[in-house]
Amino acid sequence: MKLSVIGSGRWGGFIAWYLDRMGHDVAVWGRESSQHYLQIRQTRSNGLITFPNSIELSTDLPYCVHRTKVLVISISSQNLRSLLAQLAPLPVDGKLIVLCMKGIEETTGDRLTQIVHEVLGDRVISAIWVGPGHVQEFTRGVPNCMIIDSDNETVKRQIVHDLSSDLIRFYYGTDLIGNEIGAASKNVIGIAAGMLDGLGRTSLKGALMARGAREISRLIKAMGGNEMTAYGLSHLGDYEATVFSPHSHNRKFGELFVKGEPYEELAEGVSTVKALMLLKERYQVDLPICDAVYQVIHLKQEPKKVLSGLFLRTLKDEF
């Protein structure tokens, strides 16, 4: 099967490597100005993955659209709308767009599949590919489980059939709202975990996991999803890779932020927490952990005071 991967960052590079490993015909699109793309073009490596010659590299977006019926997108979530605007004049009708990002638009609170259909309408079919896993583990042959979800049941089952392997076991998602919100918000919980690490309070991460999943389950339910999805692979199932892993950008960002140190890599949770504050007001849901992360990052509140306040809240039943 021919596929084009739109995005040449760490995760987009892994996806291209994974699809090529399965025998698919893969092209990777990157911007000419992208340092990730330039590195791959010059060295056939991004530092984590060596790209075989069978993977085509291109900066020609129309070509990458023309060559396939399946576009796999892996870019910063906040840049999705502008990319889709570039795709809109191209012949995308009937194509499948698989979103491999975890985020919510910070200015609107829109889920990523909502943005796809706002920009491209019913011209395309959309699906999401989310769940736990790190490039560093996958390339060592360590397997994991992930989720494919879509409103189109036939397409969902076809993707799972075509992409499953000994390295990734895919499950059929049954709650698109819950899996999108769960996947995006786990990055915010990951930032909170990093903050606890940075403050020397790592032992609180167990409580963070339990209460984090609980507050996100409330939001999912309020938005019309299944609250149990928060306890599945897209959210709680991804905590090990986000809350504890040294490879997690979001956890590392949180740790360095409370230490006053810069972090240059993309941490999607920084933007996602802004979107969650919009959803908190829109659906009138209490999101104390997300609110604390927002206060520390965007309102510049004192981290130790804000995070300690989470554990001094009014006494209540657990459920």
C-alpha atoms as a PDB file:
ATOM      1  CA  MET A   1       0.000   0.000   0.000  1.00  0.00           C
ATOM      2  CA  LYS A   2       1.211   3.519  -0.803  1.00  0.00           C
ATOM      3  CA  LEU A   3       1.175   6.020   2.078  1.00  0.00           C
ATOM      4  CA  SER A   4       2.497   9.538   2.518  1.00  0.00           C
ATOM      5  CA  VAL A   5       3.632  10.677   5.960  1.00  0.00           C
ATOM      6  CA  ILE A   6       3.162  14.416   6.402  1.00  0.00           C
ATOM      7  CA  GLY A   7       5.697  15.555   8.966  1.00  0.00           C
ATOM      8  CA  SER A   8       9.353  14.637   9.489  1.00  0.00           C
ATOM      9  CA  GLY A   9       9.753  15.056  13.250  1.00  0.00           C
ATOM     10  CA  ARG A  10      10.583  12.340  15.754  1.00  0.00           C
ATOM     11  CA  TRP A  11       7.194  10.607  15.661  1.00  0.00           C
ATOM     12  CA  GLY A  12       6.585  11.160  11.955  1.00  0.00           C
ATOM     13  CA  GLY A  13       9.988   9.636  11.266  1.00  0.00           C
ATOM     14  CA  PHE A  14       9.135   6.610  13.372  1.00  0.00           C
ATOM     15  CA  ILE A  15       5.814   6.136  11.580  1.00  0.00           C
ATOM     16  CA  ALA A  16       7.558   6.191   8.208  1.00  0.00           C
ATOM     17  CA  TRP A  17      10.124   3.665   9.473  1.00  0.00           C
ATOM     18  CA  TYR A  18       7.372   1.442  10.892  1.00  0.00           C
ATOM     19  CA  LEU A  19       5.265   1.509   7.721  1.00  0.00           C
ATOM     20  CA  ASP A  20       8.312   0.789   5.561  1.00  0.00           C
ATOM     21  CA  ARG A  21       9.240  -2.089   7.893  1.00  0.00           C
ATOM     22  CA  MET A  22       5.822  -3.581   7.154  1.00  0.00           C
ATOM     23  CA  GLY A  23       6.460  -3.454   3.413  1.00  0.00           C
ATOM     24  CA  HIS A  24       4.378  -0.396   2.527  1.00  0.00           C
ATOM     25  CA  ASP A  25       5.500   2.146  -0.095  1.00  0.00           C
ATOM     26  CA  VAL A  26       6.256   5.265   1.977  1.00  0.00           C
ATOM     27  CA  ALA A  27       7.076   8.890   1.194  1.00  0.00           C
ATOM     28  CA  VAL A  28       7.829  11.484   3.873  1.00  0.00           C
ATOM     29  CA  TRP A  29       6.995  15.144   3.364  1.00  0.00           C
ATOM     30  CA  GLY A  30       8.863  17.848   5.230  1.00  0.00           C
ATOM     31  CA  ARG A  31       9.239  21.590   4.881  1.00  0.00           C
ATOM     32  CA  GLU A  32      12.433  22.809   3.246  1.00  0.00           C
ATOM     33  CA  SER A  33      13.008  25.000   6.304  1.00  0.00           C
ATOM     34  CA  SER A  34      12.578  22.128   8.760  1.00  0.00           C
ATOM     35  CA  GLN A  35      15.768  21.202  10.604  1.00  0.00           C
ATOM     36  CA  HIS A  36      14.374  17.700  11.136  1.00  0.00           C
ATOM     37  CA  TYR A  37      13.846  17.284   7.400  1.00  0.00           C
ATOM     38  CA  LEU A  38      17.242  18.721   6.475  1.00  0.00           C
ATOM     39  CA  GLN A  39      18.979  16.343   8.866  1.00  0.00           C
ATOM     40  CA  ILE A  40      17.150  13.353   7.389  1.00  0.00           C
ATOM     41  CA  ARG A  41      17.841  14.519   3.831  1.00  0.00           C
ATOM     42  CA  GLN A  42      21.557  14.948   4.512  1.00  0.00           C
ATOM     43  CA  THR A  43      22.222  11.910   6.701  1.00  0.00           C
ATOM     44  CA  ARG A  44      19.231   9.536   6.229  1.00  0.00           C
ATOM     45  CA  SER A  45      18.959   9.641  10.033  1.00  0.00           C
ATOM     46  CA  ASN A  46      17.225  11.763  12.674  1.00  0.00           C
ATOM     47  CA  GLY A  47      19.453  10.541  15.479  1.00  0.00           C
ATOM     48  CA  LEU A  48      17.003   7.823  16.504  1.00  0.00           C
ATOM     49  CA  ILE A  49      16.165   6.125  13.221  1.00  0.00           C
ATOM     50  CA  THR A  50      18.131   5.350  10.080  1.00  0.00           C
ATOM     51  CA  PHE A  51      15.902   5.747   7.035  1.00  0.00           C
ATOM     52  CA  PRO A  52      16.363   3.049   4.384  1.00  0.00           C
ATOM     53  CA  ASN A  53      16.570   4.146   0.764  1.00  0.00           C
ATOM     54  CA  SER A  54      13.117   2.654   0.196  1.00  0.00           C
ATOM     55  CA  ILE A  55      11.595   5.636   2.049  1.00  0.00           C
ATOM     56  CA  GLU A  56      11.177   8.544  -0.347  1.00  0.00           C
ATOM     57  CA  LEU A  57      11.844  12.075   0.945  1.00  0.00           C
ATOM     58  CA  SER A  58      10.054  15.077  -0.548  1.00  0.00           C
ATOM     59  CA  THR A  59       9.231  18.745   0.030  1.00  0.00           C
ATOM     60  CA  ASP A  60       6.566  18.606  -2.700  1.00  0.00           C
ATOM     61  CA  LEU A  61       3.209  18.502  -0.885  1.00  0.00           C
ATOM     62  CA  PRO A  62       1.031  18.158  -4.040  1.00  0.00           C
ATOM     63  CA  TYR A  63       3.151  15.192  -5.145  1.00  0.00           C
ATOM     64  CA  CYS A  64       2.780  13.478  -1.753  1.00  0.00           C
ATOM     65  CA  VAL A  65      -0.994  13.967  -1.931  1.00  0.00           C
ATOM     66  CA  HIS A  66      -1.288  12.739  -5.526  1.00  0.00           C
ATOM     67  CA  ARG A  67       0.671   9.522  -4.947  1.00  0.00           C
ATOM     68  CA  THR A  68      -1.601   7.956  -2.326  1.00  0.00           C
ATOM     69  CA  LYS A  69      -5.101   7.563  -0.920  1.00  0.00           C
ATOM     70  CA  VAL A  70      -3.763   7.612   2.663  1.00  0.00           C
ATOM     71  CA  LEU A  71      -2.177  10.651   4.312  1.00  0.00           C
ATOM     72  CA  VAL A  72      -0.663  10.013   7.739  1.00  0.00           C
ATOM     73  CA  ILE A  73      -0.178  13.361   9.495  1.00  0.00           C
ATOM     74  CA  SER A  74       2.288  13.854  12.336  1.00  0.00           C
ATOM     75  CA  ILE A  75       2.981  17.528  13.023  1.00  0.00           C
ATOM     76  CA  SER A  76       2.449  19.942  15.902  1.00  0.00           C
ATOM     77  CA  SER A  77      -1.261  19.919  16.737  1.00  0.00           C
ATOM     78  CA  GLN A  78      -1.400  23.719  16.723  1.00  0.00           C
ATOM     79  CA  ASN A  79      -0.241  23.765  13.091  1.00  0.00           C
ATOM     80  CA  LEU A  80      -2.864  21.326  11.828  1.00  0.00           C
ATOM     81  CA  ARG A  81      -5.377  23.930  10.654  1.00  0.00           C
ATOM     82  CA  SER A  82      -2.790  25.766   8.553  1.00  0.00           C
ATOM     83  CA  LEU A  83      -1.581  22.504   6.990  1.00  0.00           C
ATOM     84  CA  LEU A  84      -5.151  21.523   6.125  1.00  0.00           C
ATOM     85  CA  ALA A  85      -5.596  24.907   4.445  1.00  0.00           C
ATOM     86  CA  GLN A  86      -2.636  23.957   2.218  1.00  0.00           C
ATOM     87  CA  LEU A  87      -4.292  20.624   1.459  1.00  0.00           C
ATOM     88  CA  ALA A  88      -7.696  22.143   0.681  1.00  0.00           C
ATOM     89  CA  PRO A  89      -6.924  23.201  -2.946  1.00  0.00           C
ATOM     90  CA  LEU A  90      -5.402  19.780  -3.692  1.00  0.00           C
ATOM     91  CA  PRO A  91      -7.299  16.669  -4.859  1.00  0.00           C
ATOM     92  CA  VAL A  92      -7.942  15.164  -1.419  1.00  0.00           C
ATOM     93  CA  ASP A  93     -11.499  13.977  -2.146  1.00  0.00           C
ATOM     94  CA  GLY A  94     -12.063  10.448  -0.876  1.00  0.00           C
ATOM     95  CA  LYS A  95      -8.674  10.230   0.812  1.00  0.00           C
ATOM     96  CA  LEU A  96      -8.116   8.891   4.329  1.00  0.00           C
ATOM     97  CA  ILE A  97      -6.373  11.188   6.807  1.00  0.00           C
ATOM     98  CA  VAL A  98      -4.842   9.419   9.796  1.00  0.00           C
ATOM     99  CA  LEU A  99      -3.910  11.818  12.595  1.00  0.00           C
ATOM    100  CA  CYS A 100      -0.933  10.738  14.690  1.00  0.00           C
ATOM    101  CA  MET A 101      -0.816  13.732  17.021  1.00  0.00           C
ATOM    102  CA  LYS A 102      -2.133  14.291  20.533  1.00  0.00           C
ATOM    103  CA  GLY A 103      -3.524  17.753  21.070  1.00  0.00           C
ATOM    104  CA  ILE A 104      -6.504  20.116  21.163  1.00  0.00           C
ATOM    105  CA  GLU A 105      -6.519  23.480  19.382  1.00  0.00           C
ATOM    106  CA  GLU A 106      -5.638  26.042  22.035  1.00  0.00           C
ATOM    107  CA  THR A 107      -7.667  28.932  20.605  1.00  0.00           C
ATOM    108  CA  THR A 108     -10.926  27.026  20.013  1.00  0.00           C
ATOM    109  CA  GLY A 109     -10.886  23.845  22.113  1.00  0.00           C
ATOM    110  CA  ASP A 110     -11.556  21.878  18.917  1.00  0.00           C
ATOM    111  CA  ARG A 111     -10.526  18.242  18.652  1.00  0.00           C
ATOM    112  CA  LEU A 112      -8.229  17.435  15.755  1.00  0.00           C
ATOM    113  CA  THR A 113     -10.808  15.443  13.768  1.00  0.00           C
ATOM    114  CA  GLN A 114     -13.189  18.375  14.165  1.00  0.00           C
ATOM    115  CA  ILE A 115     -10.588  20.656  12.588  1.00  0.00           C
ATOM    116  CA  VAL A 116     -10.149  18.249   9.661  1.00  0.00           C
ATOM    117  CA  HIS A 117     -13.838  18.348   8.830  1.00  0.00           C
ATOM    118  CA  GLU A 118     -14.168  22.077   9.497  1.00  0.00           C
ATOM    119  CA  VAL A 119     -11.504  22.744   6.856  1.00  0.00           C
ATOM    120  CA  LEU A 120     -12.038  19.883   4.397  1.00  0.00           C
ATOM    121  CA  GLY A 121     -15.672  18.999   5.095  1.00  0.00           C
ATOM    122  CA  ASP A 122     -16.867  15.577   3.993  1.00  0.00           C
ATOM    123  CA  ARG A 123     -14.271  15.394   1.213  1.00  0.00           C
ATOM    124  CA  VAL A 124     -12.090  13.160   3.393  1.00  0.00           C
ATOM    125  CA  ILE A 125     -12.365  10.382   5.969  1.00  0.00           C
ATOM    126  CA  SER A 126     -10.483  10.864   9.227  1.00  0.00           C
ATOM    127  CA  ALA A 127      -9.050   8.524  11.838  1.00  0.00           C
ATOM    128  CA  ILE A 128      -6.707   8.792  14.813  1.00  0.00           C
ATOM    129  CA  TRP A 129      -3.697   6.680  15.807  1.00  0.00           C
ATOM    130  CA  VAL A 130      -2.927   7.189  19.515  1.00  0.00           C
ATOM    131  CA  GLY A 131      -1.685   5.346  22.570  1.00  0.00           C
ATOM    132  CA  PRO A 132       1.578   4.590  24.386  1.00  0.00           C
ATOM    133  CA  GLY A 133       5.022   4.049  22.946  1.00  0.00           C
ATOM    134  CA  HIS A 134       8.394   5.701  22.448  1.00  0.00           C
ATOM    135  CA  VAL A 135      10.563   5.622  19.361  1.00  0.00           C
ATOM    136  CA  GLN A 136      13.550   4.543  21.459  1.00  0.00           C
ATOM    137  CA  GLU A 137      11.658   1.468  22.680  1.00  0.00           C
ATOM    138  CA  PHE A 138      10.026   0.490  19.385  1.00  0.00           C
ATOM    139  CA  THR A 139      13.320   0.594  17.481  1.00  0.00           C
ATOM    140  CA  ARG A 140      14.831  -1.782  20.059  1.00  0.00           C
ATOM    141  CA  GLY A 141      12.038  -4.215  19.268  1.00  0.00           C
ATOM    142  CA  VAL A 142      10.002  -3.562  22.427  1.00  0.00           C
ATOM    143  CA  PRO A 143       6.311  -3.948  21.450  1.00  0.00           C
ATOM    144  CA  ASN A 144       3.341  -1.944  22.677  1.00  0.00           C
ATOM    145  CA  CYS A 145      -0.424  -1.578  22.245  1.00  0.00           C
ATOM    146  CA  MET A 146      -2.104   1.370  20.516  1.00  0.00           C
ATOM    147  CA  ILE A 147      -5.549   2.542  19.392  1.00  0.00           C
ATOM    148  CA  ILE A 148      -7.092   3.305  16.011  1.00  0.00           C
ATOM    149  CA  ASP A 149     -10.397   5.160  16.165  1.00  0.00           C
ATOM    150  CA  SER A 150     -12.713   6.716  13.599  1.00  0.00           C
ATOM    151  CA  ASP A 151     -16.378   7.485  13.047  1.00  0.00           C
ATOM    152  CA  ASN A 152     -16.110   5.247   9.987  1.00  0.00           C
ATOM    153  CA  GLU A 153     -16.264   1.668  11.263  1.00  0.00           C
ATOM    154  CA  THR A 154     -15.179   0.063   7.973  1.00  0.00           C
ATOM    155  CA  VAL A 155     -12.136   2.297   7.644  1.00  0.00           C
ATOM    156  CA  LYS A 156     -11.191   1.769  11.283  1.00  0.00           C
ATOM    157  CA  ARG A 157     -11.151  -2.004  10.868  1.00  0.00           C
ATOM    158  CA  GLN A 158      -9.225  -1.786   7.606  1.00  0.00           C
ATOM    159  CA  ILE A 159      -6.497   0.378   9.165  1.00  0.00           C
ATOM    160  CA  VAL A 160      -6.095  -2.003  12.106  1.00  0.00           C
ATOM    161  CA  HIS A 161      -5.849  -4.923   9.690  1.00  0.00           C
ATOM    162  CA  ASP A 162      -3.299  -3.178   7.453  1.00  0.00           C
ATOM    163  CA  LEU A 163      -1.068  -1.704  10.166  1.00  0.00           C
ATOM    164  CA  SER A 164      -0.942  -4.318  12.941  1.00  0.00           C
ATOM    165  CA  SER A 165       2.337  -6.173  13.406  1.00  0.00           C
ATOM    166  CA  ASP A 166       4.485  -7.944  15.969  1.00  0.00           C
ATOM    167  CA  LEU A 167       5.654  -4.497  17.134  1.00  0.00           C
ATOM    168  CA  ILE A 168       2.288  -2.761  17.590  1.00  0.00           C
ATOM    169  CA  ARG A 169      -0.955  -4.462  18.545  1.00  0.00           C
ATOM    170  CA  PHE A 170      -3.786  -2.124  17.607  1.00  0.00           C
ATOM    171  CA  TYR A 171      -7.142  -2.100  19.338  1.00  0.00           C
ATOM    172  CA  TYR A 172     -10.366  -0.819  17.784  1.00  0.00           C
ATOM    173  CA  GLY A 173     -11.325   2.448  19.475  1.00  0.00           C
ATOM    174  CA  THR A 174     -14.986   2.774  20.393  1.00  0.00           C
ATOM    175  CA  ASP A 175     -15.131   6.409  21.545  1.00  0.00           C
ATOM    176  CA  LEU A 176     -13.605   9.018  19.244  1.00  0.00           C
ATOM    177  CA  ILE A 177     -14.316  11.933  21.598  1.00  0.00           C
ATOM    178  CA  GLY A 178     -12.870  10.129  24.595  1.00  0.00           C
ATOM    179  CA  ASN A 179      -9.788   8.881  22.779  1.00  0.00           C
ATOM    180  CA  GLU A 180      -8.961  12.310  21.340  1.00  0.00           C
ATOM    181  CA  ILE A 181      -9.449  14.120  24.644  1.00  0.00           C
ATOM    182  CA  GLY A 182      -7.706  11.374  26.602  1.00  0.00           C
ATOM    183  CA  ALA A 183      -4.689  11.267  24.294  1.00  0.00           C
ATOM    184  CA  ALA A 184      -4.263  15.040  24.313  1.00  0.00           C
ATOM    185  CA  SER A 185      -4.789  15.598  28.042  1.00  0.00           C
ATOM    186  CA  LYS A 186      -2.328  12.912  29.149  1.00  0.00           C
ATOM    187  CA  ASN A 187       0.405  15.326  28.013  1.00  0.00           C
ATOM    188  CA  VAL A 188      -0.819  17.829  30.604  1.00  0.00           C
ATOM    189  CA  ILE A 189      -0.735  15.164  33.310  1.00  0.00           C
ATOM    190  CA  GLY A 190       2.782  14.387  32.076  1.00  0.00           C
ATOM    191  CA  ILE A 191       3.826  18.004  32.655  1.00  0.00           C
ATOM    192  CA  ALA A 192       2.389  17.844  36.181  1.00  0.00           C
ATOM    193  CA  ALA A 193       4.386  14.661  36.793  1.00  0.00           C
ATOM    194  CA  GLY A 194       7.558  16.364  35.642  1.00  0.00           C
ATOM    195  CA  MET A 195       6.859  19.255  37.987  1.00  0.00           C
ATOM    196  CA  LEU A 196       6.568  16.801  40.882  1.00  0.00           C
ATOM    197  CA  ASP A 197       9.899  15.270  39.847  1.00  0.00           C
ATOM    198  CA  GLY A 198      11.485  18.699  39.722  1.00  0.00           C
ATOM    199  CA  LEU A 199      10.189  19.531  43.195  1.00  0.00           C
ATOM    200  CA  GLY A 200      11.412  16.244  44.661  1.00  0.00           C
ATOM    201  CA  ARG A 201       7.887  14.908  45.128  1.00  0.00           C
ATOM    202  CA  THR A 202       8.002  11.942  42.779  1.00  0.00           C
ATOM    203  CA  SER A 203       6.190   9.734  45.317  1.00  0.00           C
ATOM    204  CA  LEU A 204       3.005  11.736  44.621  1.00  0.00           C
ATOM    205  CA  LYS A 205       2.859  10.544  41.005  1.00  0.00           C
ATOM    206  CA  GLY A 206       0.697   7.552  41.955  1.00  0.00           C
ATOM    207  CA  ALA A 207      -1.944   9.886  43.348  1.00  0.00           C
ATOM    208  CA  LEU A 208      -1.508  12.129  40.300  1.00  0.00           C
ATOM    209  CA  MET A 209      -2.251   9.213  37.982  1.00  0.00           C
ATOM    210  CA  ALA A 210      -5.380   8.163  39.860  1.00  0.00           C
ATOM    211  CA  ARG A 211      -6.812  11.649  40.181  1.00  0.00           C
ATOM    212  CA  GLY A 212      -5.687  12.720  36.712  1.00  0.00           C
ATOM    213  CA  ALA A 213      -7.589   9.899  35.053  1.00  0.00           C
ATOM    214  CA  ARG A 214     -10.612  10.712  37.206  1.00  0.00           C
ATOM    215  CA  GLU A 215     -10.778  14.370  36.225  1.00  0.00           C
ATOM    216  CA  ILE A 216     -10.309  13.640  32.534  1.00  0.00           C
ATOM    217  CA  SER A 217     -13.059  11.008  32.730  1.00  0.00           C
ATOM    218  CA  ARG A 218     -15.428  13.730  33.978  1.00  0.00           C
ATOM    219  CA  LEU A 219     -14.547  15.957  31.030  1.00  0.00           C
ATOM    220  CA  ILE A 220     -14.982  13.148  28.502  1.00  0.00           C
ATOM    221  CA  LYS A 221     -18.421  12.344  29.912  1.00  0.00           C
ATOM    222  CA  ALA A 222     -19.480  16.006  29.848  1.00  0.00           C
ATOM    223  CA  MET A 223     -18.441  16.228  26.184  1.00  0.00           C
ATOM    224  CA  GLY A 224     -20.586  13.254  25.239  1.00  0.00           C
ATOM    225  CA  GLY A 225     -17.960  10.512  25.339  1.00  0.00           C
ATOM    226  CA  ASN A 226     -17.626   7.419  27.496  1.00  0.00           C
ATOM    227  CA  GLU A 227     -15.952   8.279  30.812  1.00  0.00           C
ATOM    228  CA  MET A 228     -14.372   4.794  30.949  1.00  0.00           C
ATOM    229  CA  THR A 229     -12.207   5.721  27.942  1.00  0.00           C
ATOM    230  CA  ALA A 230      -9.981   7.721  30.310  1.00  0.00           C
ATOM    231  CA  TYR A 231      -8.920   4.407  31.838  1.00  0.00           C
ATOM    232  CA  GLY A 232      -7.993   2.910  28.457  1.00  0.00           C
ATOM    233  CA  LEU A 233      -4.898   2.987  26.268  1.00  0.00           C
ATOM    234  CA  SER A 234      -5.278   6.543  24.978  1.00  0.00           C
ATOM    235  CA  HIS A 235      -5.040   8.111  28.449  1.00  0.00           C
ATOM    236  CA  LEU A 236      -4.239   6.031  31.553  1.00  0.00           C
ATOM    237  CA  GLY A 237      -2.579   3.401  29.359  1.00  0.00           C
ATOM    238  CA  ASP A 238      -0.188   6.069  28.077  1.00  0.00           C
ATOM    239  CA  TYR A 239       0.834   7.319  31.531  1.00  0.00           C
ATOM    240  CA  GLU A 240       3.902   5.081  31.843  1.00  0.00           C
ATOM    241  CA  ALA A 241       5.267   6.576  28.628  1.00  0.00           C
ATOM    242  CA  THR A 242       4.470  10.128  29.752  1.00  0.00           C
ATOM    243  CA  VAL A 243       4.410  10.344  33.551  1.00  0.00           C
ATOM    244  CA  PHE A 244       7.494   8.223  34.220  1.00  0.00           C
ATOM    245  CA  SER A 245       9.560   7.893  31.048  1.00  0.00           C
ATOM    246  CA  PRO A 246      12.861   9.774  30.626  1.00  0.00           C
ATOM    247  CA  HIS A 247      11.944   9.977  26.922  1.00  0.00           C
ATOM    248  CA  SER A 248       8.761  12.019  27.509  1.00  0.00           C
ATOM    249  CA  HIS A 249       9.025  15.605  26.260  1.00  0.00           C
ATOM    250  CA  ASN A 250       6.118  16.720  28.441  1.00  0.00           C
ATOM    251  CA  ARG A 251       7.456  15.188  31.643  1.00  0.00           C
ATOM    252  CA  LYS A 252      10.917  16.625  30.966  1.00  0.00           C
ATOM    253  CA  PHE A 253       9.454  20.052  30.193  1.00  0.00           C
ATOM    254  CA  GLY A 254       7.611  20.095  33.545  1.00  0.00           C
ATOM    255  CA  GLU A 255      10.700  19.031  35.467  1.00  0.00           C
ATOM    256  CA  LEU A 256      12.918  21.692  33.924  1.00  0.00           C
ATOM    257  CA  PHE A 257      10.224  24.379  34.086  1.00  0.00           C
ATOM    258  CA  VAL A 258       9.978  24.266  37.882  1.00  0.00           C
ATOM    259  CA  LYS A 259      13.779  24.337  38.043  1.00  0.00           C
ATOM    260  CA  GLY A 260      13.829  27.452  35.896  1.00  0.00           C
ATOM    261  CA  GLU A 261      15.676  25.715  33.063  1.00  0.00           C
ATOM    262  CA  PRO A 262      14.760  25.946  29.343  1.00  0.00           C
ATOM    263  CA  TYR A 263      13.569  23.006  27.245  1.00  0.00           C
ATOM    264  CA  GLU A 264      13.823  23.306  23.485  1.00  0.00           C
ATOM    265  CA  GLU A 265      11.737  20.325  22.310  1.00  0.00           C
ATOM    266  CA  LEU A 266       7.999  20.427  21.577  1.00  0.00           C
ATOM    267  CA  ALA A 267       5.820  19.713  24.634  1.00  0.00           C
ATOM    268  CA  GLU A 268       2.258  19.544  23.285  1.00  0.00           C
ATOM    269  CA  GLY A 269       0.766  19.823  26.777  1.00  0.00           C
ATOM    270  CA  VAL A 270       1.797  23.498  27.013  1.00  0.00           C
ATOM    271  CA  SER A 271      -0.769  24.431  24.364  1.00  0.00           C
ATOM    272  CA  THR A 272      -3.253  21.682  25.241  1.00  0.00           C
ATOM    273  CA  VAL A 273      -3.688  22.981  28.787  1.00  0.00           C
ATOM    274  CA  LYS A 274      -4.936  26.293  27.336  1.00  0.00           C
ATOM    275  CA  ALA A 275      -7.548  24.371  25.343  1.00  0.00           C
ATOM    276  CA  LEU A 276      -8.549  22.411  28.455  1.00  0.00           C
ATOM    277  CA  MET A 277      -9.241  25.658  30.279  1.00  0.00           C
ATOM    278  CA  LEU A 278     -11.657  26.581  27.472  1.00  0.00           C
ATOM    279  CA  LEU A 279     -13.352  23.187  27.758  1.00  0.00           C
ATOM    280  CA  LYS A 280     -13.464  23.477  31.547  1.00  0.00           C
ATOM    281  CA  GLU A 281     -15.574  26.634  31.245  1.00  0.00           C
ATOM    282  CA  ARG A 282     -17.611  25.410  28.273  1.00  0.00           C
ATOM    283  CA  TYR A 283     -18.673  22.194  29.994  1.00  0.00           C
ATOM    284  CA  GLN A 284     -18.460  23.393  33.614  1.00  0.00           C
ATOM    285  CA  VAL A 285     -16.161  20.562  34.702  1.00  0.00           C
ATOM    286  CA  ASP A 286     -13.696  20.731  37.581  1.00  0.00           C
ATOM    287  CA  LEU A 287     -10.145  20.068  36.311  1.00  0.00           C
ATOM    288  CA  PRO A 288      -7.892  20.794  39.316  1.00  0.00           C
ATOM    289  CA  ILE A 289      -4.676  19.197  38.008  1.00  0.00           C
ATOM    290  CA  CYS A 290      -4.965  20.797  34.577  1.00  0.00           C
ATOM    291  CA  ASP A 291      -5.838  24.089  36.239  1.00  0.00           C
ATOM    292  CA  ALA A 292      -2.720  23.860  38.417  1.00  0.00           C
ATOM    293  CA  VAL A 293      -0.492  23.240  35.394  1.00  0.00           C
ATOM    294  CA  TYR A 294      -2.075  26.224  33.627  1.00  0.00           C
ATOM    295  CA  GLN A 295      -1.513  28.469  36.648  1.00  0.00           C
ATOM    296  CA  VAL A 296       2.159  27.514  36.899  1.00  0.00           C
ATOM    297  CA  ILE A 297       3.022  27.745  33.188  1.00  0.00           C
ATOM    298  CA  HIS A 298       0.818  30.505  31.855  1.00  0.00           C
ATOM    299  CA  LEU A 299      -0.017  32.568  34.954  1.00  0.00           C
ATOM    300  CA  LYS A 300       3.496  32.214  36.417  1.00  0.00           C
ATOM    301  CA  GLN A 301       2.242  31.088  39.818  1.00  0.00           C
ATOM    302  CA  GLU A 302       4.712  29.571  42.309  1.00  0.00           C
ATOM    303  CA  PRO A 303       4.913  25.805  41.479  1.00  0.00           C
ATOM    304  CA  LYS A 304       5.365  24.423  44.985  1.00  0.00           C
ATOM    305  CA  LYS A 305       2.462  26.451  46.355  1.00  0.00           C
ATOM    306  CA  VAL A 306       0.101  25.584  43.498  1.00  0.00           C
ATOM    307  CA  LEU A 307       0.906  21.869  43.418  1.00  0.00           C
ATOM    308  CA  SER A 308       0.771  21.579  47.214  1.00  0.00           C
ATOM    309  CA  GLY A 309      -2.675  23.137  47.028  1.00  0.00           C
ATOM    310  CA  LEU A 310      -3.885  20.104  45.056  1.00  0.00           C
ATOM    311  CA  PHE A 311      -3.391  17.976  48.152  1.00  0.00           C
ATOM    312  CA  LEU A 312      -5.014  20.446  50.533  1.00  0.00           C
ATOM    313  CA  ARG A 313      -8.362  20.625  48.758  1.00  0.00           C
ATOM    314  CA  THR A 314     -11.716  20.147  50.457  1.00  0.00           C
ATOM    315  CA  LEU A 315     -12.203  16.618  51.796  1.00  0.00           C
ATOM    316  CA  LYS A 316     -14.448  14.512  49.550  1.00  0.00           C
ATOM    317  CA  ASP A 317     -15.326  10.997  48.468  1.00  0.00           C
ATOM    318  CA  GLU A 318     -12.880   9.443  45.992  1.00  0.00           C
ATOM    319  CA  PHE A 319     -15.687   8.541  43.564  1.00  0.00           C
END
